[in-house]
Amino acid sequence: MNKRLLAFLLDVVVIVIFAAIGRRSHGEANALVGLATTAWPFLLGTVVGWGATFALYRDKFDALRVVPTGVIVWLCTLVVGMLARVVVGQGTAFSFVIVAAVFTGLFLIGWRAVAAAFARRRATR
């Protein structure tokens, strides 16, 4: 599988897991429609982040890099996701913004940091 496609799919999985955990922690039904309703603003932000990163770093674009890819994807996921939630009348309580920032930052950047560590370790062998 293409490295970029795999990286994109990992980002999508992170967002879907984030939405599923949030819905479950609030006792909301895990119906597919409910999950999609919760996840789509952040998935939109993820797509915006990928587009922005690719547009800015086209010649040096690396989907696995923490900086700039992971950071830009994370920030766009968070900001666009929250703005989209405001536009459609979904909640953006301060505590939710903090939880979303921490979870998405930890996992959108985190899996890239782990991949980079493995790549460095493999390169030194």
PDB file of N, CA and C in Angstrom:
ATOM      1  N   MET A   1       0.848  -1.186   0.000  1.00  0.00           N
ATOM      2  CA  MET A   1       0.000   0.000   0.000  1.00  0.00           C
ATOM      3  C   MET A   1       0.890   1.244   0.000  1.00  0.00           C
ATOM      4  N   ASN A   2       0.452   2.241  -0.694  1.00  0.00           N
ATOM      5  CA  ASN A   2       1.146   3.514  -0.778  1.00  0.00           C
ATOM      6  C   ASN A   2       1.296   4.134   0.617  1.00  0.00           C
ATOM      7  N   LYS A   3       2.498   4.653   0.919  1.00  0.00           N
ATOM      8  CA  LYS A   3       2.793   5.246   2.226  1.00  0.00           C
ATOM      9  C   LYS A   3       1.858   6.412   2.546  1.00  0.00           C
ATOM     10  N   ARG A   4       1.558   7.244   1.581  1.00  0.00           N
ATOM     11  CA  ARG A   4       0.668   8.385   1.820  1.00  0.00           C
ATOM     12  C   ARG A   4      -0.749   7.932   2.128  1.00  0.00           C
ATOM     13  N   LEU A   5      -1.230   6.951   1.370  1.00  0.00           N
ATOM     14  CA  LEU A   5      -2.585   6.451   1.602  1.00  0.00           C
ATOM     15  C   LEU A   5      -2.684   5.807   2.981  1.00  0.00           C
ATOM     16  N   LEU A   6      -1.693   5.040   3.356  1.00  0.00           N
ATOM     17  CA  LEU A   6      -1.692   4.414   4.674  1.00  0.00           C
ATOM     18  C   LEU A   6      -1.683   5.473   5.777  1.00  0.00           C
ATOM     19  N   ALA A   7      -0.873   6.498   5.616  1.00  0.00           N
ATOM     20  CA  ALA A   7      -0.815   7.579   6.605  1.00  0.00           C
ATOM     21  C   ALA A   7      -2.166   8.290   6.711  1.00  0.00           C
ATOM     22  N   PHE A   8      -2.777   8.569   5.577  1.00  0.00           N
ATOM     23  CA  PHE A   8      -4.092   9.217   5.582  1.00  0.00           C
ATOM     24  C   PHE A   8      -5.118   8.340   6.287  1.00  0.00           C
ATOM     25  N   LEU A   9      -5.106   7.053   5.983  1.00  0.00           N
ATOM     26  CA  LEU A   9      -6.056   6.137   6.610  1.00  0.00           C
ATOM     27  C   LEU A   9      -5.831   6.039   8.119  1.00  0.00           C
ATOM     28  N   LEU A  10      -4.580   6.083   8.556  1.00  0.00           N
ATOM     29  CA  LEU A  10      -4.297   6.086   9.996  1.00  0.00           C
ATOM     30  C   LEU A  10      -4.875   7.338  10.655  1.00  0.00           C
ATOM     31  N   ASP A  11      -4.749   8.478   9.991  1.00  0.00           N
ATOM     32  CA  ASP A  11      -5.338   9.706  10.526  1.00  0.00           C
ATOM     33  C   ASP A  11      -6.859   9.589  10.627  1.00  0.00           C
ATOM     34  N   VAL A  12      -7.472   9.018   9.610  1.00  0.00           N
ATOM     35  CA  VAL A  12      -8.931   8.827   9.622  1.00  0.00           C
ATOM     36  C   VAL A  12      -9.330   7.906  10.774  1.00  0.00           C
ATOM     37  N   VAL A  13      -8.588   6.829  10.960  1.00  0.00           N
ATOM     38  CA  VAL A  13      -8.883   5.895  12.052  1.00  0.00           C
ATOM     39  C   VAL A  13      -8.771   6.602  13.405  1.00  0.00           C
ATOM     40  N   VAL A  14      -7.752   7.441  13.572  1.00  0.00           N
ATOM     41  CA  VAL A  14      -7.594   8.191  14.827  1.00  0.00           C
ATOM     42  C   VAL A  14      -8.832   9.036  15.093  1.00  0.00           C
ATOM     43  N   ILE A  15      -9.322   9.718  14.081  1.00  0.00           N
ATOM     44  CA  ILE A  15     -10.487  10.599  14.261  1.00  0.00           C
ATOM     45  C   ILE A  15     -11.746   9.792  14.557  1.00  0.00           C
ATOM     46  N   VAL A  16     -11.924   8.685  13.877  1.00  0.00           N
ATOM     47  CA  VAL A  16     -13.103   7.846  14.123  1.00  0.00           C
ATOM     48  C   VAL A  16     -13.055   7.276  15.546  1.00  0.00           C
ATOM     49  N   ILE A  17     -11.887   6.851  15.988  1.00  0.00           N
ATOM     50  CA  ILE A  17     -11.747   6.350  17.358  1.00  0.00           C
ATOM     51  C   ILE A  17     -12.042   7.469  18.363  1.00  0.00           C
ATOM     52  N   PHE A  18     -11.525   8.665  18.101  1.00  0.00           N
ATOM     53  CA  PHE A  18     -11.799   9.821  18.956  1.00  0.00           C
ATOM     54  C   PHE A  18     -13.309  10.041  19.083  1.00  0.00           C
ATOM     55  N   ALA A  19     -14.013  10.036  17.962  1.00  0.00           N
ATOM     56  CA  ALA A  19     -15.462  10.257  17.976  1.00  0.00           C
ATOM     57  C   ALA A  19     -16.178   9.115  18.699  1.00  0.00           C
ATOM     58  N   ALA A  20     -15.750   7.894  18.465  1.00  0.00           N
ATOM     59  CA  ALA A  20     -16.396   6.740  19.102  1.00  0.00           C
ATOM     60  C   ALA A  20     -16.199   6.761  20.615  1.00  0.00           C
ATOM     61  N   ILE A  21     -14.992   7.076  21.061  1.00  0.00           N
ATOM     62  CA  ILE A  21     -14.733   7.157  22.506  1.00  0.00           C
ATOM     63  C   ILE A  21     -15.570   8.271  23.129  1.00  0.00           C
ATOM     64  N   GLY A  22     -15.628   9.408  22.462  1.00  0.00           N
ATOM     65  CA  GLY A  22     -16.430  10.518  22.972  1.00  0.00           C
ATOM     66  C   GLY A  22     -17.898  10.160  23.082  1.00  0.00           C
ATOM     67  N   ARG A  23     -18.429   9.527  22.072  1.00  0.00           N
ATOM     68  CA  ARG A  23     -19.843   9.139  22.101  1.00  0.00           C
ATOM     69  C   ARG A  23     -20.092   8.120  23.207  1.00  0.00           C
ATOM     70  N   ARG A  24     -19.203   7.173  23.344  1.00  0.00           N
ATOM     71  CA  ARG A  24     -19.376   6.137  24.372  1.00  0.00           C
ATOM     72  C   ARG A  24     -19.265   6.730  25.778  1.00  0.00           C
ATOM     73  N   SER A  25     -18.326   7.658  25.972  1.00  0.00           N
ATOM     74  CA  SER A  25     -18.140   8.233  27.306  1.00  0.00           C
ATOM     75  C   SER A  25     -19.340   9.072  27.744  1.00  0.00           C
ATOM     76  N   HIS A  26     -20.126   9.519  26.793  1.00  0.00           N
ATOM     77  CA  HIS A  26     -21.327  10.304  27.105  1.00  0.00           C
ATOM     78  C   HIS A  26     -22.589   9.462  27.015  1.00  0.00           C
ATOM     79  N   GLY A  27     -22.416   8.160  26.836  1.00  0.00           N
ATOM     80  CA  GLY A  27     -23.568   7.266  26.798  1.00  0.00           C
ATOM     81  C   GLY A  27     -24.432   7.433  25.564  1.00  0.00           C
ATOM     82  N   GLU A  28     -23.875   7.995  24.523  1.00  0.00           N
ATOM     83  CA  GLU A  28     -24.637   8.175  23.292  1.00  0.00           C
ATOM     84  C   GLU A  28     -24.600   6.896  22.475  1.00  0.00           C
ATOM     85  N   ALA A  29     -25.629   6.674  21.725  1.00  0.00           N
ATOM     86  CA  ALA A  29     -25.728   5.464  20.911  1.00  0.00           C
ATOM     87  C   ALA A  29     -24.564   5.390  19.932  1.00  0.00           C
ATOM     88  N   ASN A  30     -24.112   4.203  19.680  1.00  0.00           N
ATOM     89  CA  ASN A  30     -22.997   4.005  18.757  1.00  0.00           C
ATOM     90  C   ASN A  30     -23.461   3.758  17.338  1.00  0.00           C
ATOM     91  N   ALA A  31     -24.633   4.219  17.007  1.00  0.00           N
ATOM     92  CA  ALA A  31     -25.143   4.061  15.657  1.00  0.00           C
ATOM     93  C   ALA A  31     -24.199   4.730  14.667  1.00  0.00           C
ATOM     94  N   LEU A  32     -24.129   4.163  13.504  1.00  0.00           N
ATOM     95  CA  LEU A  32     -23.229   4.670  12.474  1.00  0.00           C
ATOM     96  C   LEU A  32     -23.513   6.133  12.133  1.00  0.00           C
ATOM     97  N   VAL A  33     -24.771   6.501  12.078  1.00  0.00           N
ATOM     98  CA  VAL A  33     -25.129   7.888  11.759  1.00  0.00           C
ATOM     99  C   VAL A  33     -24.641   8.832  12.860  1.00  0.00           C
ATOM    100  N   GLY A  34     -24.807   8.438  14.115  1.00  0.00           N
ATOM    101  CA  GLY A  34     -24.335   9.259  15.228  1.00  0.00           C
ATOM    102  C   GLY A  34     -22.827   9.415  15.212  1.00  0.00           C
ATOM    103  N   LEU A  35     -22.131   8.321  14.921  1.00  0.00           N
ATOM    104  CA  LEU A  35     -20.673   8.368  14.834  1.00  0.00           C
ATOM    105  C   LEU A  35     -20.241   9.296  13.706  1.00  0.00           C
ATOM    106  N   ALA A  36     -20.891   9.187  12.563  1.00  0.00           N
ATOM    107  CA  ALA A  36     -20.563  10.050  11.425  1.00  0.00           C
ATOM    108  C   ALA A  36     -20.839  11.517  11.748  1.00  0.00           C
ATOM    109  N   THR A  37     -21.926  11.778  12.453  1.00  0.00           N
ATOM    110  CA  THR A  37     -22.275  13.150  12.836  1.00  0.00           C
ATOM    111  C   THR A  37     -21.206  13.758  13.736  1.00  0.00           C
ATOM    112  N   THR A  38     -20.673  12.946  14.633  1.00  0.00           N
ATOM    113  CA  THR A  38     -19.632  13.425  15.541  1.00  0.00           C
ATOM    114  C   THR A  38     -18.296  13.572  14.827  1.00  0.00           C
ATOM    115  N   ALA A  39     -17.967  12.634  13.953  1.00  0.00           N
ATOM    116  CA  ALA A  39     -16.638  12.587  13.342  1.00  0.00           C
ATOM    117  C   ALA A  39     -16.449  13.537  12.168  1.00  0.00           C
ATOM    118  N   TRP A  40     -17.493  13.818  11.389  1.00  0.00           N
ATOM    119  CA  TRP A  40     -17.282  14.526  10.119  1.00  0.00           C
ATOM    120  C   TRP A  40     -16.593  15.887  10.249  1.00  0.00           C
ATOM    121  N   PRO A  41     -16.889  16.706  11.260  1.00  0.00           N
ATOM    122  CA  PRO A  41     -16.177  17.996  11.304  1.00  0.00           C
ATOM    123  C   PRO A  41     -14.662  17.831  11.430  1.00  0.00           C
ATOM    124  N   PHE A  42     -14.261  16.837  12.206  1.00  0.00           N
ATOM    125  CA  PHE A  42     -12.828  16.604  12.405  1.00  0.00           C
ATOM    126  C   PHE A  42     -12.204  15.925  11.191  1.00  0.00           C
ATOM    127  N   LEU A  43     -12.969  15.075  10.528  1.00  0.00           N
ATOM    128  CA  LEU A  43     -12.469  14.472   9.286  1.00  0.00           C
ATOM    129  C   LEU A  43     -12.281  15.543   8.219  1.00  0.00           C
ATOM    130  N   LEU A  44     -13.203  16.503   8.171  1.00  0.00           N
ATOM    131  CA  LEU A  44     -13.050  17.634   7.250  1.00  0.00           C
ATOM    132  C   LEU A  44     -11.758  18.385   7.566  1.00  0.00           C
ATOM    133  N   GLY A  45     -11.513  18.629   8.845  1.00  0.00           N
ATOM    134  CA  GLY A  45     -10.282  19.308   9.250  1.00  0.00           C
ATOM    135  C   GLY A  45      -9.041  18.518   8.874  1.00  0.00           C
ATOM    136  N   THR A  46      -9.109  17.206   8.992  1.00  0.00           N
ATOM    137  CA  THR A  46      -7.981  16.357   8.611  1.00  0.00           C
ATOM    138  C   THR A  46      -7.694  16.480   7.121  1.00  0.00           C
ATOM    139  N   VAL A  47      -8.733  16.466   6.318  1.00  0.00           N
ATOM    140  CA  VAL A  47      -8.562  16.618   4.863  1.00  0.00           C
ATOM    141  C   VAL A  47      -7.972  17.994   4.546  1.00  0.00           C
ATOM    142  N   VAL A  48      -8.457  19.026   5.211  1.00  0.00           N
ATOM    143  CA  VAL A  48      -7.910  20.374   5.015  1.00  0.00           C
ATOM    144  C   VAL A  48      -6.424  20.387   5.398  1.00  0.00           C
ATOM    145  N   GLY A  49      -6.088  19.758   6.497  1.00  0.00           N
ATOM    146  CA  GLY A  49      -4.692  19.696   6.932  1.00  0.00           C
ATOM    147  C   GLY A  49      -3.801  18.986   5.928  1.00  0.00           C
ATOM    148  N   TRP A  50      -4.280  17.886   5.387  1.00  0.00           N
ATOM    149  CA  TRP A  50      -3.509  17.175   4.363  1.00  0.00           C
ATOM    150  C   TRP A  50      -3.327  18.058   3.125  1.00  0.00           C
ATOM    151  N   GLY A  51      -4.395  18.713   2.710  1.00  0.00           N
ATOM    152  CA  GLY A  51      -4.298  19.591   1.540  1.00  0.00           C
ATOM    153  C   GLY A  51      -3.350  20.746   1.770  1.00  0.00           C
ATOM    154  N   ALA A  52      -3.428  21.352   2.937  1.00  0.00           N
ATOM    155  CA  ALA A  52      -2.545  22.480   3.259  1.00  0.00           C
ATOM    156  C   ALA A  52      -1.091  22.036   3.296  1.00  0.00           C
ATOM    157  N   THR A  53      -0.842  20.897   3.924  1.00  0.00           N
ATOM    158  CA  THR A  53       0.537  20.405   4.011  1.00  0.00           C
ATOM    159  C   THR A  53       1.090  20.091   2.635  1.00  0.00           C
ATOM    160  N   PHE A  54       0.280  19.430   1.828  1.00  0.00           N
ATOM    161  CA  PHE A  54       0.743  19.090   0.486  1.00  0.00           C
ATOM    162  C   PHE A  54       0.978  20.348  -0.342  1.00  0.00           C
ATOM    163  N   ALA A  55       0.076  21.326  -0.234  1.00  0.00           N
ATOM    164  CA  ALA A  55       0.230  22.566  -1.005  1.00  0.00           C
ATOM    165  C   ALA A  55       1.484  23.333  -0.577  1.00  0.00           C
ATOM    166  N   LEU A  56       1.761  23.361   0.714  1.00  0.00           N
ATOM    167  CA  LEU A  56       2.916  24.111   1.216  1.00  0.00           C
ATOM    168  C   LEU A  56       4.247  23.399   0.994  1.00  0.00           C
ATOM    169  N   TYR A  57       4.230  22.078   1.024  1.00  0.00           N
ATOM    170  CA  TYR A  57       5.479  21.304   0.989  1.00  0.00           C
ATOM    171  C   TYR A  57       5.472  20.273  -0.138  1.00  0.00           C
ATOM    172  N   ARG A  58       4.876  20.626  -1.247  1.00  0.00           N
ATOM    173  CA  ARG A  58       4.697  19.696  -2.360  1.00  0.00           C
ATOM    174  C   ARG A  58       5.982  18.958  -2.727  1.00  0.00           C
ATOM    175  N   ASP A  59       7.068  19.676  -2.883  1.00  0.00           N
ATOM    176  CA  ASP A  59       8.320  19.042  -3.304  1.00  0.00           C
ATOM    177  C   ASP A  59       8.953  18.207  -2.200  1.00  0.00           C
ATOM    178  N   LYS A  60       8.655  18.532  -0.947  1.00  0.00           N
ATOM    179  CA  LYS A  60       9.257  17.829   0.183  1.00  0.00           C
ATOM    180  C   LYS A  60       8.203  17.156   1.052  1.00  0.00           C
ATOM    181  N   PHE A  61       7.029  16.919   0.497  1.00  0.00           N
ATOM    182  CA  PHE A  61       5.931  16.356   1.286  1.00  0.00           C
ATOM    183  C   PHE A  61       6.265  14.944   1.738  1.00  0.00           C
ATOM    184  N   ASP A  62       6.170  14.723   3.042  1.00  0.00           N
ATOM    185  CA  ASP A  62       6.359  13.403   3.623  1.00  0.00           C
ATOM    186  C   ASP A  62       5.251  13.199   4.642  1.00  0.00           C
ATOM    187  N   ALA A  63       4.337  12.309   4.348  1.00  0.00           N
ATOM    188  CA  ALA A  63       3.162  12.078   5.189  1.00  0.00           C
ATOM    189  C   ALA A  63       3.514  11.578   6.577  1.00  0.00           C
ATOM    190  N   LEU A  64       4.708  11.028   6.749  1.00  0.00           N
ATOM    191  CA  LEU A  64       5.088  10.445   8.027  1.00  0.00           C
ATOM    192  C   LEU A  64       5.835  11.401   8.954  1.00  0.00           C
ATOM    193  N   ARG A  65       6.159  12.577   8.480  1.00  0.00           N
ATOM    194  CA  ARG A  65       6.931  13.516   9.310  1.00  0.00           C
ATOM    195  C   ARG A  65       6.058  14.151  10.386  1.00  0.00           C
ATOM    196  N   VAL A  66       6.634  14.263  11.567  1.00  0.00           N
ATOM    197  CA  VAL A  66       5.935  14.939  12.668  1.00  0.00           C
ATOM    198  C   VAL A  66       5.794  16.415  12.337  1.00  0.00           C
ATOM    199  N   VAL A  67       6.903  17.025  11.900  1.00  0.00           N
ATOM    200  CA  VAL A  67       6.925  18.427  11.501  1.00  0.00           C
ATOM    201  C   VAL A  67       7.355  18.483  10.047  1.00  0.00           C
ATOM    202  N   PRO A  68       6.600  19.065   9.196  1.00  0.00           N
ATOM    203  CA  PRO A  68       5.399  19.859   9.426  1.00  0.00           C
ATOM    204  C   PRO A  68       4.090  19.070   9.341  1.00  0.00           C
ATOM    205  N   THR A  69       4.101  17.906   8.705  1.00  0.00           N
ATOM    206  CA  THR A  69       2.847  17.216   8.387  1.00  0.00           C
ATOM    207  C   THR A  69       1.974  16.967   9.607  1.00  0.00           C
ATOM    208  N   GLY A  70       2.507  16.283  10.612  1.00  0.00           N
ATOM    209  CA  GLY A  70       1.702  15.944  11.783  1.00  0.00           C
ATOM    210  C   GLY A  70       1.142  17.160  12.490  1.00  0.00           C
ATOM    211  N   VAL A  71       1.960  18.170  12.638  1.00  0.00           N
ATOM    212  CA  VAL A  71       1.519  19.379  13.344  1.00  0.00           C
ATOM    213  C   VAL A  71       0.437  20.113  12.552  1.00  0.00           C
ATOM    214  N   ILE A  72       0.638  20.261  11.252  1.00  0.00           N
ATOM    215  CA  ILE A  72      -0.361  20.967  10.433  1.00  0.00           C
ATOM    216  C   ILE A  72      -1.666  20.187  10.377  1.00  0.00           C
ATOM    217  N   VAL A  73      -1.580  18.877  10.183  1.00  0.00           N
ATOM    218  CA  VAL A  73      -2.796  18.055  10.147  1.00  0.00           C
ATOM    219  C   VAL A  73      -3.529  18.165  11.489  1.00  0.00           C
ATOM    220  N   TRP A  74      -2.790  18.099  12.581  1.00  0.00           N
ATOM    221  CA  TRP A  74      -3.413  18.201  13.905  1.00  0.00           C
ATOM    222  C   TRP A  74      -4.107  19.549  14.096  1.00  0.00           C
ATOM    223  N   LEU A  75      -3.391  20.642  13.818  1.00  0.00           N
ATOM    224  CA  LEU A  75      -3.977  21.970  14.023  1.00  0.00           C
ATOM    225  C   LEU A  75      -5.197  22.198  13.134  1.00  0.00           C
ATOM    226  N   CYS A  76      -5.116  21.777  11.887  1.00  0.00           N
ATOM    227  CA  CYS A  76      -6.268  21.926  10.993  1.00  0.00           C
ATOM    228  C   CYS A  76      -7.432  21.057  11.439  1.00  0.00           C
ATOM    229  N   THR A  77      -7.134  19.839  11.878  1.00  0.00           N
ATOM    230  CA  THR A  77      -8.185  18.950  12.378  1.00  0.00           C
ATOM    231  C   THR A  77      -8.922  19.616  13.532  1.00  0.00           C
ATOM    232  N   LEU A  78      -8.177  20.175  14.447  1.00  0.00           N
ATOM    233  CA  LEU A  78      -8.771  20.799  15.625  1.00  0.00           C
ATOM    234  C   LEU A  78      -9.535  22.074  15.269  1.00  0.00           C
ATOM    235  N   VAL A  79      -8.883  22.993  14.582  1.00  0.00           N
ATOM    236  CA  VAL A  79      -9.497  24.301  14.306  1.00  0.00           C
ATOM    237  C   VAL A  79     -10.675  24.177  13.336  1.00  0.00           C
ATOM    238  N   VAL A  80     -10.471  23.508  12.218  1.00  0.00           N
ATOM    239  CA  VAL A  80     -11.566  23.350  11.247  1.00  0.00           C
ATOM    240  C   VAL A  80     -12.686  22.525  11.866  1.00  0.00           C
ATOM    241  N   GLY A  81     -12.321  21.482  12.610  1.00  0.00           N
ATOM    242  CA  GLY A  81     -13.341  20.660  13.262  1.00  0.00           C
ATOM    243  C   GLY A  81     -14.205  21.468  14.213  1.00  0.00           C
ATOM    244  N   MET A  82     -13.583  22.297  15.025  1.00  0.00           N
ATOM    245  CA  MET A  82     -14.351  23.116  15.969  1.00  0.00           C
ATOM    246  C   MET A  82     -15.188  24.167  15.249  1.00  0.00           C
ATOM    247  N   LEU A  83     -14.607  24.792  14.229  1.00  0.00           N
ATOM    248  CA  LEU A  83     -15.377  25.788  13.468  1.00  0.00           C
ATOM    249  C   LEU A  83     -16.578  25.146  12.774  1.00  0.00           C
ATOM    250  N   ALA A  84     -16.388  23.979  12.214  1.00  0.00           N
ATOM    251  CA  ALA A  84     -17.501  23.279  11.557  1.00  0.00           C
ATOM    252  C   ALA A  84     -18.582  22.923  12.581  1.00  0.00           C
ATOM    253  N   ARG A  85     -18.164  22.508  13.768  1.00  0.00           N
ATOM    254  CA  ARG A  85     -19.144  22.200  14.819  1.00  0.00           C
ATOM    255  C   ARG A  85     -19.952  23.442  15.201  1.00  0.00           C
ATOM    256  N   VAL A  86     -19.296  24.602  15.259  1.00  0.00           N
ATOM    257  CA  VAL A  86     -20.004  25.844  15.575  1.00  0.00           C
ATOM    258  C   VAL A  86     -21.027  26.154  14.484  1.00  0.00           C
ATOM    259  N   VAL A  87     -20.610  26.017  13.230  1.00  0.00           N
ATOM    260  CA  VAL A  87     -21.488  26.339  12.100  1.00  0.00           C
ATOM    261  C   VAL A  87     -22.757  25.490  12.111  1.00  0.00           C
ATOM    262  N   VAL A  88     -22.638  24.222  12.468  1.00  0.00           N
ATOM    263  CA  VAL A  88     -23.809  23.334  12.439  1.00  0.00           C
ATOM    264  C   VAL A  88     -24.499  23.209  13.800  1.00  0.00           C
ATOM    265  N   GLY A  89     -24.034  23.987  14.786  1.00  0.00           N
ATOM    266  CA  GLY A  89     -24.712  24.010  16.079  1.00  0.00           C
ATOM    267  C   GLY A  89     -24.344  22.880  17.025  1.00  0.00           C
ATOM    268  N   GLN A  90     -23.216  22.234  16.790  1.00  0.00           N
ATOM    269  CA  GLN A  90     -22.746  21.217  17.731  1.00  0.00           C
ATOM    270  C   GLN A  90     -21.941  21.912  18.825  1.00  0.00           C
ATOM    271  N   GLY A  91     -21.770  21.255  19.939  1.00  0.00           N
ATOM    272  CA  GLY A  91     -21.123  21.866  21.089  1.00  0.00           C
ATOM    273  C   GLY A  91     -19.622  22.057  20.941  1.00  0.00           C
ATOM    274  N   THR A  92     -19.137  23.136  21.536  1.00  0.00           N
ATOM    275  CA  THR A  92     -17.697  23.413  21.589  1.00  0.00           C
ATOM    276  C   THR A  92     -17.331  23.948  22.965  1.00  0.00           C
ATOM    277  N   ALA A  93     -17.782  23.256  23.987  1.00  0.00           N
ATOM    278  CA  ALA A  93     -17.445  23.657  25.356  1.00  0.00           C
ATOM    279  C   ALA A  93     -15.928  23.667  25.514  1.00  0.00           C
ATOM    280  N   PHE A  94     -15.449  24.563  26.360  1.00  0.00           N
ATOM    281  CA  PHE A  94     -14.011  24.704  26.550  1.00  0.00           C
ATOM    282  C   PHE A  94     -13.353  23.377  26.924  1.00  0.00           C
ATOM    283  N   SER A  95     -13.980  22.622  27.800  1.00  0.00           N
ATOM    284  CA  SER A  95     -13.410  21.330  28.207  1.00  0.00           C
ATOM    285  C   SER A  95     -13.331  20.373  27.016  1.00  0.00           C
ATOM    286  N   PHE A  96     -14.308  20.425  26.128  1.00  0.00           N
ATOM    287  CA  PHE A  96     -14.283  19.580  24.934  1.00  0.00           C
ATOM    288  C   PHE A  96     -13.139  19.986  24.006  1.00  0.00           C
ATOM    289  N   VAL A  97     -12.930  21.278  23.851  1.00  0.00           N
ATOM    290  CA  VAL A  97     -11.823  21.750  23.011  1.00  0.00           C
ATOM    291  C   VAL A  97     -10.492  21.246  23.568  1.00  0.00           C
ATOM    292  N   ILE A  98     -10.333  21.302  24.873  1.00  0.00           N
ATOM    293  CA  ILE A  98      -9.092  20.827  25.505  1.00  0.00           C
ATOM    294  C   ILE A  98      -8.925  19.322  25.283  1.00  0.00           C
ATOM    295  N   VAL A  99      -9.963  18.557  25.533  1.00  0.00           N
ATOM    296  CA  VAL A  99      -9.889  17.100  25.339  1.00  0.00           C
ATOM    297  C   VAL A  99      -9.593  16.773  23.876  1.00  0.00           C
ATOM    298  N   ALA A 100     -10.265  17.451  22.963  1.00  0.00           N
ATOM    299  CA  ALA A 100     -10.046  17.208  21.534  1.00  0.00           C
ATOM    300  C   ALA A 100      -8.618  17.567  21.138  1.00  0.00           C
ATOM    301  N   ALA A 101      -8.112  18.677  21.649  1.00  0.00           N
ATOM    302  CA  ALA A 101      -6.740  19.088  21.320  1.00  0.00           C
ATOM    303  C   ALA A 101      -5.728  18.064  21.821  1.00  0.00           C
ATOM    304  N   VAL A 102      -5.916  17.599  23.035  1.00  0.00           N
ATOM    305  CA  VAL A 102      -4.968  16.645  23.608  1.00  0.00           C
ATOM    306  C   VAL A 102      -5.035  15.309  22.889  1.00  0.00           C
ATOM    307  N   PHE A 103      -6.238  14.774  22.721  1.00  0.00           N
ATOM    308  CA  PHE A 103      -6.370  13.458  22.083  1.00  0.00           C
ATOM    309  C   PHE A 103      -5.866  13.480  20.646  1.00  0.00           C
ATOM    310  N   THR A 104      -6.363  14.432  19.862  1.00  0.00           N
ATOM    311  CA  THR A 104      -5.955  14.459  18.451  1.00  0.00           C
ATOM    312  C   THR A 104      -4.474  14.777  18.311  1.00  0.00           C
ATOM    313  N   GLY A 105      -3.958  15.665  19.142  1.00  0.00           N
ATOM    314  CA  GLY A 105      -2.526  15.967  19.095  1.00  0.00           C
ATOM    315  C   GLY A 105      -1.683  14.759  19.446  1.00  0.00           C
ATOM    316  N   LEU A 106      -2.062  14.107  20.528  1.00  0.00           N
ATOM    317  CA  LEU A 106      -1.309  12.931  20.968  1.00  0.00           C
ATOM    318  C   LEU A 106      -1.282  11.847  19.896  1.00  0.00           C
ATOM    319  N   PHE A 107      -2.409  11.608  19.265  1.00  0.00           N
ATOM    320  CA  PHE A 107      -2.482  10.486  18.327  1.00  0.00           C
ATOM    321  C   PHE A 107      -2.130  10.848  16.888  1.00  0.00           C
ATOM    322  N   LEU A 108      -2.498  12.037  16.407  1.00  0.00           N
ATOM    323  CA  LEU A 108      -2.118  12.407  15.037  1.00  0.00           C
ATOM    324  C   LEU A 108      -0.622  12.669  14.933  1.00  0.00           C
ATOM    325  N   ILE A 109      -0.054  13.228  15.975  1.00  0.00           N
ATOM    326  CA  ILE A 109       1.392  13.452  15.996  1.00  0.00           C
ATOM    327  C   ILE A 109       2.103  12.208  16.532  1.00  0.00           C
ATOM    328  N   GLY A 110       1.489  11.561  17.503  1.00  0.00           N
ATOM    329  CA  GLY A 110       2.112  10.433  18.175  1.00  0.00           C
ATOM    330  C   GLY A 110       2.453   9.262  17.281  1.00  0.00           C
ATOM    331  N   TRP A 111       1.523   8.856  16.404  1.00  0.00           N
ATOM    332  CA  TRP A 111       1.843   7.702  15.567  1.00  0.00           C
ATOM    333  C   TRP A 111       2.980   8.036  14.605  1.00  0.00           C
ATOM    334  N   ARG A 112       3.075   9.291  14.207  1.00  0.00           N
ATOM    335  CA  ARG A 112       4.185   9.696  13.335  1.00  0.00           C
ATOM    336  C   ARG A 112       5.516   9.669  14.091  1.00  0.00           C
ATOM    337  N   ALA A 113       5.490  10.084  15.356  1.00  0.00           N
ATOM    338  CA  ALA A 113       6.713  10.050  16.172  1.00  0.00           C
ATOM    339  C   ALA A 113       7.177   8.612  16.379  1.00  0.00           C
ATOM    340  N   VAL A 114       6.246   7.712  16.614  1.00  0.00           N
ATOM    341  CA  VAL A 114       6.598   6.295  16.761  1.00  0.00           C
ATOM    342  C   VAL A 114       7.165   5.753  15.449  1.00  0.00           C
ATOM    343  N   ALA A 115       6.531   6.079  14.338  1.00  0.00           N
ATOM    344  CA  ALA A 115       7.031   5.619  13.031  1.00  0.00           C
ATOM    345  C   ALA A 115       8.428   6.159  12.763  1.00  0.00           C
ATOM    346  N   ALA A 116       8.679   7.417  13.119  1.00  0.00           N
ATOM    347  CA  ALA A 116      10.008   8.011  12.916  1.00  0.00           C
ATOM    348  C   ALA A 116      11.050   7.317  13.784  1.00  0.00           C
ATOM    349  N   ALA A 117      10.679   6.992  15.014  1.00  0.00           N
ATOM    350  CA  ALA A 117      11.611   6.299  15.911  1.00  0.00           C
ATOM    351  C   ALA A 117      11.967   4.923  15.358  1.00  0.00           C
ATOM    352  N   PHE A 118      10.977   4.204  14.856  1.00  0.00           N
ATOM    353  CA  PHE A 118      11.245   2.898  14.254  1.00  0.00           C
ATOM    354  C   PHE A 118      12.121   3.036  13.014  1.00  0.00           C
ATOM    355  N   ALA A 119      11.858   4.057  12.214  1.00  0.00           N
ATOM    356  CA  ALA A 119      12.657   4.261  10.997  1.00  0.00           C
ATOM    357  C   ALA A 119      14.109   4.574  11.351  1.00  0.00           C
ATOM    358  N   ARG A 120      14.317   5.421  12.367  1.00  0.00           N
ATOM    359  CA  ARG A 120      15.690   5.733  12.799  1.00  0.00           C
ATOM    360  C   ARG A 120      16.377   4.497  13.338  1.00  0.00           C
ATOM    361  N   ARG A 121      15.659   3.723  14.099  1.00  0.00           N
ATOM    362  CA  ARG A 121      16.249   2.500  14.663  1.00  0.00           C
ATOM    363  C   ARG A 121      16.625   1.510  13.558  1.00  0.00           C
ATOM    364  N   ARG A 122      15.755   1.379  12.581  1.00  0.00           N
ATOM    365  CA  ARG A 122      16.035   0.489  11.447  1.00  0.00           C
ATOM    366  C   ARG A 122      17.221   0.989  10.647  1.00  0.00           C
ATOM    367  N   ALA A 123      17.375   2.303  10.511  1.00  0.00           N
ATOM    368  CA  ALA A 123      18.463   2.882   9.724  1.00  0.00           C
ATOM    369  C   ALA A 123      19.816   2.707  10.409  1.00  0.00           C
ATOM    370  N   THR A 124      19.836   2.612  11.724  1.00  0.00           N
ATOM    371  CA  THR A 124      21.099   2.478  12.447  1.00  0.00           C
ATOM    372  C   THR A 124      21.567   1.030  12.575  1.00  0.00           C
ATOM    373  N   ARG A 125      20.771   0.118  12.151  1.00  0.00           N
ATOM    374  CA  ARG A 125      21.146  -1.306  12.242  1.00  0.00           C
ATOM    375  C   ARG A 125      21.962  -1.733  11.065  1.00  0.00           C
TER     376      ARG A 125
END
